[in-house]
Amino acid sequence: MELENNKIFFGIAKVGTKGQIVIPMSARKQYDIRPGDNVLLLGDKANGLWIATADAFDKLAPGALAEIVKGRI
């Protein structure tokens, strides 16, 4: 479901007994995530958990890492 500000809601994933989740097919297609790809998990206690493709994070890493060090993320 398309939301405002380029945000997309893909659905809900259930956590399995081994702590695994399945990324919905629509999200995998949108972000070209394939078996064997690496994804990065980011989060904080107040705002939750985010999943980013490793390739996308590589493009954002210098700025994002600086913000993490400053305590802004």
PDB file of N, CA and C in Angstrom:
ATOM      1  N   MET A   1       0.850  -1.162   0.000  1.00  0.00           N
ATOM      2  CA  MET A   1       0.000   0.000   0.000  1.00  0.00           C
ATOM      3  C   MET A   1       0.901   1.232   0.000  1.00  0.00           C
ATOM      4  N   GLU A   2       0.661   2.114  -0.934  1.00  0.00           N
ATOM      5  CA  GLU A   2       1.431   3.337  -1.079  1.00  0.00           C
ATOM      6  C   GLU A   2       0.980   4.355  -0.024  1.00  0.00           C
ATOM      7  N   LEU A   3       1.932   4.902   0.722  1.00  0.00           N
ATOM      8  CA  LEU A   3       1.657   5.910   1.740  1.00  0.00           C
ATOM      9  C   LEU A   3       2.252   7.233   1.286  1.00  0.00           C
ATOM     10  N   GLU A   4       2.158   8.268   2.077  1.00  0.00           N
ATOM     11  CA  GLU A   4       2.731   9.558   1.690  1.00  0.00           C
ATOM     12  C   GLU A   4       4.252   9.561   1.852  1.00  0.00           C
ATOM     13  N   ASN A   5       4.904  10.518   1.241  1.00  0.00           N
ATOM     14  CA  ASN A   5       6.356  10.709   1.322  1.00  0.00           C
ATOM     15  C   ASN A   5       7.149   9.497   0.843  1.00  0.00           C
ATOM     16  N   ASN A   6       6.696   8.870  -0.246  1.00  0.00           N
ATOM     17  CA  ASN A   6       7.398   7.720  -0.843  1.00  0.00           C
ATOM     18  C   ASN A   6       7.511   6.516   0.077  1.00  0.00           C
ATOM     19  N   LYS A   7       6.652   6.393   1.062  1.00  0.00           N
ATOM     20  CA  LYS A   7       6.649   5.252   1.972  1.00  0.00           C
ATOM     21  C   LYS A   7       5.693   4.193   1.425  1.00  0.00           C
ATOM     22  N   ILE A   8       6.042   2.928   1.629  1.00  0.00           N
ATOM     23  CA  ILE A   8       5.211   1.818   1.152  1.00  0.00           C
ATOM     24  C   ILE A   8       5.017   0.835   2.305  1.00  0.00           C
ATOM     25  N   PHE A   9       3.775   0.407   2.517  1.00  0.00           N
ATOM     26  CA  PHE A   9       3.473  -0.628   3.505  1.00  0.00           C
ATOM     27  C   PHE A   9       3.369  -1.946   2.763  1.00  0.00           C
ATOM     28  N   PHE A  10       4.217  -2.919   3.112  1.00  0.00           N
ATOM     29  CA  PHE A  10       4.244  -4.196   2.413  1.00  0.00           C
ATOM     30  C   PHE A  10       3.486  -5.296   3.128  1.00  0.00           C
ATOM     31  N   GLY A  11       3.155  -5.119   4.373  1.00  0.00           N
ATOM     32  CA  GLY A  11       2.432  -6.152   5.097  1.00  0.00           C
ATOM     33  C   GLY A  11       3.115  -6.472   6.415  1.00  0.00           C
ATOM     34  N   ILE A  12       2.735  -7.594   6.988  1.00  0.00           N
ATOM     35  CA  ILE A  12       3.249  -8.019   8.285  1.00  0.00           C
ATOM     36  C   ILE A  12       3.929  -9.366   8.096  1.00  0.00           C
ATOM     37  N   ALA A  13       5.079  -9.531   8.749  1.00  0.00           N
ATOM     38  CA  ALA A  13       5.805 -10.808   8.688  1.00  0.00           C
ATOM     39  C   ALA A  13       5.814 -11.424  10.085  1.00  0.00           C
ATOM     40  N   LYS A  14       5.580 -12.722  10.148  1.00  0.00           N
ATOM     41  CA  LYS A  14       5.600 -13.434  11.419  1.00  0.00           C
ATOM     42  C   LYS A  14       7.013 -13.958  11.668  1.00  0.00           C
ATOM     43  N   VAL A  15       7.474 -13.853  12.899  1.00  0.00           N
ATOM     44  CA  VAL A  15       8.777 -14.377  13.283  1.00  0.00           C
ATOM     45  C   VAL A  15       8.624 -15.861  13.588  1.00  0.00           C
ATOM     46  N   GLY A  16       9.449 -16.684  12.920  1.00  0.00           N
ATOM     47  CA  GLY A  16       9.400 -18.123  13.120  1.00  0.00           C
ATOM     48  C   GLY A  16      10.145 -18.542  14.382  1.00  0.00           C
ATOM     49  N   THR A  17      10.119 -19.821  14.667  1.00  0.00           N
ATOM     50  CA  THR A  17      10.740 -20.348  15.884  1.00  0.00           C
ATOM     51  C   THR A  17      12.253 -20.154  15.908  1.00  0.00           C
ATOM     52  N   LYS A  18      12.872 -20.015  14.746  1.00  0.00           N
ATOM     53  CA  LYS A  18      14.318 -19.781  14.665  1.00  0.00           C
ATOM     54  C   LYS A  18      14.655 -18.290  14.555  1.00  0.00           C
ATOM     55  N   GLY A  19      13.660 -17.428  14.732  1.00  0.00           N
ATOM     56  CA  GLY A  19      13.884 -15.988  14.660  1.00  0.00           C
ATOM     57  C   GLY A  19      13.905 -15.452  13.240  1.00  0.00           C
ATOM     58  N   GLN A  20      13.489 -16.243  12.285  1.00  0.00           N
ATOM     59  CA  GLN A  20      13.512 -15.830  10.888  1.00  0.00           C
ATOM     60  C   GLN A  20      12.199 -15.170  10.493  1.00  0.00           C
ATOM     61  N   ILE A  21      12.303 -14.234   9.532  1.00  0.00           N
ATOM     62  CA  ILE A  21      11.110 -13.639   8.938  1.00  0.00           C
ATOM     63  C   ILE A  21      11.188 -13.810   7.430  1.00  0.00           C
ATOM     64  N   VAL A  22      10.042 -13.781   6.783  1.00  0.00           N
ATOM     65  CA  VAL A  22       9.984 -13.817   5.332  1.00  0.00           C
ATOM     66  C   VAL A  22       9.641 -12.411   4.863  1.00  0.00           C
ATOM     67  N   ILE A  23      10.492 -11.869   4.004  1.00  0.00           N
ATOM     68  CA  ILE A  23      10.225 -10.555   3.425  1.00  0.00           C
ATOM     69  C   ILE A  23       9.158 -10.758   2.349  1.00  0.00           C
ATOM     70  N   PRO A  24       8.058 -10.008   2.411  1.00  0.00           N
ATOM     71  CA  PRO A  24       6.986 -10.200   1.431  1.00  0.00           C
ATOM     72  C   PRO A  24       7.493 -10.086  -0.011  1.00  0.00           C
ATOM     73  N   MET A  25       6.906 -10.895  -0.889  1.00  0.00           N
ATOM     74  CA  MET A  25       7.331 -10.928  -2.285  1.00  0.00           C
ATOM     75  C   MET A  25       7.293  -9.543  -2.924  1.00  0.00           C
ATOM     76  N   SER A  26       6.273  -8.763  -2.635  1.00  0.00           N
ATOM     77  CA  SER A  26       6.175  -7.427  -3.237  1.00  0.00           C
ATOM     78  C   SER A  26       7.361  -6.551  -2.834  1.00  0.00           C
ATOM     79  N   ALA A  27       7.836  -6.682  -1.610  1.00  0.00           N
ATOM     80  CA  ALA A  27       9.003  -5.919  -1.159  1.00  0.00           C
ATOM     81  C   ALA A  27      10.271  -6.443  -1.819  1.00  0.00           C
ATOM     82  N   ARG A  28      10.384  -7.776  -1.947  1.00  0.00           N
ATOM     83  CA  ARG A  28      11.561  -8.349  -2.606  1.00  0.00           C
ATOM     84  C   ARG A  28      11.643  -7.901  -4.053  1.00  0.00           C
ATOM     85  N   LYS A  29      10.499  -7.847  -4.735  1.00  0.00           N
ATOM     86  CA  LYS A  29      10.487  -7.382  -6.125  1.00  0.00           C
ATOM     87  C   LYS A  29      10.833  -5.898  -6.206  1.00  0.00           C
ATOM     88  N   GLN A  30      10.225  -5.092  -5.348  1.00  0.00           N
ATOM     89  CA  GLN A  30      10.447  -3.641  -5.357  1.00  0.00           C
ATOM     90  C   GLN A  30      11.926  -3.303  -5.169  1.00  0.00           C
ATOM     91  N   TYR A  31      12.602  -4.039  -4.285  1.00  0.00           N
ATOM     92  CA  TYR A  31      13.993  -3.730  -3.949  1.00  0.00           C
ATOM     93  C   TYR A  31      14.984  -4.743  -4.516  1.00  0.00           C
ATOM     94  N   ASP A  32      14.508  -5.596  -5.421  1.00  0.00           N
ATOM     95  CA  ASP A  32      15.348  -6.581  -6.099  1.00  0.00           C
ATOM     96  C   ASP A  32      16.179  -7.392  -5.107  1.00  0.00           C
ATOM     97  N   ILE A  33      15.523  -7.904  -4.079  1.00  0.00           N
ATOM     98  CA  ILE A  33      16.178  -8.741  -3.072  1.00  0.00           C
ATOM     99  C   ILE A  33      16.028 -10.195  -3.507  1.00  0.00           C
ATOM    100  N   ARG A  34      17.161 -10.878  -3.619  1.00  0.00           N
ATOM    101  CA  ARG A  34      17.176 -12.261  -4.104  1.00  0.00           C
ATOM    102  C   ARG A  34      17.809 -13.181  -3.071  1.00  0.00           C
ATOM    103  N   PRO A  35      17.552 -14.482  -3.179  1.00  0.00           N
ATOM    104  CA  PRO A  35      18.184 -15.426  -2.248  1.00  0.00           C
ATOM    105  C   PRO A  35      19.703 -15.243  -2.240  1.00  0.00           C
ATOM    106  N   GLY A  36      20.274 -15.208  -1.055  1.00  0.00           N
ATOM    107  CA  GLY A  36      21.712 -15.028  -0.906  1.00  0.00           C
ATOM    108  C   GLY A  36      22.139 -13.582  -0.730  1.00  0.00           C
ATOM    109  N   ASP A  37      21.248 -12.621  -1.014  1.00  0.00           N
ATOM    110  CA  ASP A  37      21.576 -11.209  -0.810  1.00  0.00           C
ATOM    111  C   ASP A  37      21.716 -10.922   0.678  1.00  0.00           C
ATOM    112  N   ASN A  38      22.523  -9.943   0.995  1.00  0.00           N
ATOM    113  CA  ASN A  38      22.661  -9.495   2.380  1.00  0.00           C
ATOM    114  C   ASN A  38      21.756  -8.303   2.621  1.00  0.00           C
ATOM    115  N   VAL A  39      21.144  -8.268   3.790  1.00  0.00           N
ATOM    116  CA  VAL A  39      20.373  -7.103   4.216  1.00  0.00           C
ATOM    117  C   VAL A  39      20.926  -6.644   5.556  1.00  0.00           C
ATOM    118  N   LEU A  40      20.756  -5.387   5.824  1.00  0.00           N
ATOM    119  CA  LEU A  40      21.262  -4.785   7.042  1.00  0.00           C
ATOM    120  C   LEU A  40      20.081  -4.491   7.956  1.00  0.00           C
ATOM    121  N   LEU A  41      20.206  -4.811   9.229  1.00  0.00           N
ATOM    122  CA  LEU A  41      19.161  -4.526  10.214  1.00  0.00           C
ATOM    123  C   LEU A  41      19.630  -3.371  11.078  1.00  0.00           C
ATOM    124  N   LEU A  42      18.825  -2.326  11.119  1.00  0.00           N
ATOM    125  CA  LEU A  42      19.136  -1.130  11.900  1.00  0.00           C
ATOM    126  C   LEU A  42      17.979  -0.865  12.845  1.00  0.00           C
ATOM    127  N   GLY A  43      18.255  -0.268  13.969  1.00  0.00           N
ATOM    128  CA  GLY A  43      17.160   0.067  14.851  1.00  0.00           C
ATOM    129  C   GLY A  43      17.617   0.793  16.097  1.00  0.00           C
ATOM    130  N   ASP A  44      16.647   1.244  16.830  1.00  0.00           N
ATOM    131  CA  ASP A  44      16.896   1.790  18.153  1.00  0.00           C
ATOM    132  C   ASP A  44      15.715   1.427  19.037  1.00  0.00           C
ATOM    133  N   LYS A  45      15.923   1.507  20.329  1.00  0.00           N
ATOM    134  CA  LYS A  45      14.896   1.050  21.273  1.00  0.00           C
ATOM    135  C   LYS A  45      13.597   1.839  21.165  1.00  0.00           C
ATOM    136  N   ALA A  46      13.678   3.115  20.826  1.00  0.00           N
ATOM    137  CA  ALA A  46      12.481   3.952  20.781  1.00  0.00           C
ATOM    138  C   ALA A  46      11.711   3.840  19.474  1.00  0.00           C
ATOM    139  N   ASN A  47      12.413   3.625  18.346  1.00  0.00           N
ATOM    140  CA  ASN A  47      11.753   3.705  17.047  1.00  0.00           C
ATOM    141  C   ASN A  47      11.646   2.405  16.283  1.00  0.00           C
ATOM    142  N   GLY A  48      12.165   1.317  16.807  1.00  0.00           N
ATOM    143  CA  GLY A  48      11.979   0.027  16.156  1.00  0.00           C
ATOM    144  C   GLY A  48      13.125  -0.409  15.276  1.00  0.00           C
ATOM    145  N   LEU A  49      12.814  -1.296  14.348  1.00  0.00           N
ATOM    146  CA  LEU A  49      13.790  -1.989  13.525  1.00  0.00           C
ATOM    147  C   LEU A  49      13.538  -1.686  12.057  1.00  0.00           C
ATOM    148  N   TRP A  50      14.610  -1.485  11.302  1.00  0.00           N
ATOM    149  CA  TRP A  50      14.521  -1.259   9.863  1.00  0.00           C
ATOM    150  C   TRP A  50      15.395  -2.263   9.153  1.00  0.00           C
ATOM    151  N   ILE A  51      14.983  -2.638   7.951  1.00  0.00           N
ATOM    152  CA  ILE A  51      15.769  -3.524   7.094  1.00  0.00           C
ATOM    153  C   ILE A  51      16.158  -2.724   5.857  1.00  0.00           C
ATOM    154  N   ALA A  52      17.429  -2.755   5.512  1.00  0.00           N
ATOM    155  CA  ALA A  52      17.913  -2.077   4.310  1.00  0.00           C
ATOM    156  C   ALA A  52      18.742  -3.062   3.502  1.00  0.00           C
ATOM    157  N   THR A  53      18.688  -2.938   2.180  1.00  0.00           N
ATOM    158  CA  THR A  53      19.577  -3.758   1.370  1.00  0.00           C
ATOM    159  C   THR A  53      21.002  -3.273   1.614  1.00  0.00           C
ATOM    160  N   ALA A  54      21.930  -4.185   1.581  1.00  0.00           N
ATOM    161  CA  ALA A  54      23.331  -3.825   1.814  1.00  0.00           C
ATOM    162  C   ALA A  54      23.810  -2.832   0.767  1.00  0.00           C
ATOM    163  N   ASP A  55      23.396  -2.999  -0.498  1.00  0.00           N
ATOM    164  CA  ASP A  55      23.809  -2.073  -1.556  1.00  0.00           C
ATOM    165  C   ASP A  55      23.301  -0.659  -1.297  1.00  0.00           C
ATOM    166  N   ALA A  56      22.042  -0.543  -0.876  1.00  0.00           N
ATOM    167  CA  ALA A  56      21.481   0.775  -0.593  1.00  0.00           C
ATOM    168  C   ALA A  56      22.202   1.421   0.580  1.00  0.00           C
ATOM    169  N   PHE A  57      22.521   0.637   1.590  1.00  0.00           N
ATOM    170  CA  PHE A  57      23.198   1.197   2.751  1.00  0.00           C
ATOM    171  C   PHE A  57      24.604   1.657   2.406  1.00  0.00           C
ATOM    172  N   ASP A  58      25.284   0.939   1.499  1.00  0.00           N
ATOM    173  CA  ASP A  58      26.627   1.354   1.082  1.00  0.00           C
ATOM    174  C   ASP A  58      26.622   2.787   0.555  1.00  0.00           C
ATOM    175  N   LYS A  59      25.557   3.172  -0.156  1.00  0.00           N
ATOM    176  CA  LYS A  59      25.452   4.521  -0.708  1.00  0.00           C
ATOM    177  C   LYS A  59      25.223   5.554   0.393  1.00  0.00           C
ATOM    178  N   LEU A  60      24.528   5.145   1.461  1.00  0.00           N
ATOM    179  CA  LEU A  60      24.177   6.066   2.542  1.00  0.00           C
ATOM    180  C   LEU A  60      25.138   6.003   3.730  1.00  0.00           C
ATOM    181  N   ALA A  61      25.990   4.991   3.758  1.00  0.00           N
ATOM    182  CA  ALA A  61      26.807   4.699   4.937  1.00  0.00           C
ATOM    183  C   ALA A  61      27.610   5.876   5.483  1.00  0.00           C
ATOM    184  N   PRO A  62      28.351   6.607   4.666  1.00  0.00           N
ATOM    185  CA  PRO A  62      29.164   7.675   5.268  1.00  0.00           C
ATOM    186  C   PRO A  62      28.336   8.670   6.087  1.00  0.00           C
ATOM    187  N   GLY A  63      27.226   9.138   5.557  1.00  0.00           N
ATOM    188  CA  GLY A  63      26.382  10.075   6.283  1.00  0.00           C
ATOM    189  C   GLY A  63      25.665   9.428   7.443  1.00  0.00           C
ATOM    190  N   ALA A  64      25.168   8.213   7.236  1.00  0.00           N
ATOM    191  CA  ALA A  64      24.433   7.517   8.294  1.00  0.00           C
ATOM    192  C   ALA A  64      25.333   7.179   9.469  1.00  0.00           C
ATOM    193  N   LEU A  65      26.526   6.710   9.183  1.00  0.00           N
ATOM    194  CA  LEU A  65      27.443   6.373  10.268  1.00  0.00           C
ATOM    195  C   LEU A  65      27.803   7.609  11.076  1.00  0.00           C
ATOM    196  N   ALA A  66      27.988   8.732  10.416  1.00  0.00           N
ATOM    197  CA  ALA A  66      28.270   9.978  11.129  1.00  0.00           C
ATOM    198  C   ALA A  66      27.117  10.354  12.061  1.00  0.00           C
ATOM    199  N   GLU A  67      25.866  10.161  11.602  1.00  0.00           N
ATOM    200  CA  GLU A  67      24.705  10.481  12.421  1.00  0.00           C
ATOM    201  C   GLU A  67      24.591   9.530  13.616  1.00  0.00           C
ATOM    202  N   ILE A  68      24.936   8.254  13.401  1.00  0.00           N
ATOM    203  CA  ILE A  68      24.913   7.289  14.492  1.00  0.00           C
ATOM    204  C   ILE A  68      25.902   7.685  15.572  1.00  0.00           C
ATOM    205  N   VAL A  69      27.111   8.060  15.137  1.00  0.00           N
ATOM    206  CA  VAL A  69      28.146   8.464  16.096  1.00  0.00           C
ATOM    207  C   VAL A  69      27.701   9.697  16.885  1.00  0.00           C
ATOM    208  N   LYS A  70      26.997  10.610  16.230  1.00  0.00           N
ATOM    209  CA  LYS A  70      26.512  11.825  16.892  1.00  0.00           C
ATOM    210  C   LYS A  70      25.288  11.555  17.772  1.00  0.00           C
ATOM    211  N   GLY A  71      24.758  10.342  17.700  1.00  0.00           N
ATOM    212  CA  GLY A  71      23.593   9.985  18.514  1.00  0.00           C
ATOM    213  C   GLY A  71      22.281  10.456  17.936  1.00  0.00           C
ATOM    214  N   ARG A  72      22.259  10.821  16.659  1.00  0.00           N
ATOM    215  CA  ARG A  72      21.037  11.316  16.039  1.00  0.00           C
ATOM    216  C   ARG A  72      20.183  10.201  15.446  1.00  0.00           C
ATOM    217  N   ILE A  73      20.758   9.041  15.245  1.00  0.00           N
ATOM    218  CA  ILE A  73      19.996   7.913  14.687  1.00  0.00           C
ATOM    219  C   ILE A  73      19.984   6.810  15.727  1.00  0.00           C
TER     220      ILE A  73
END
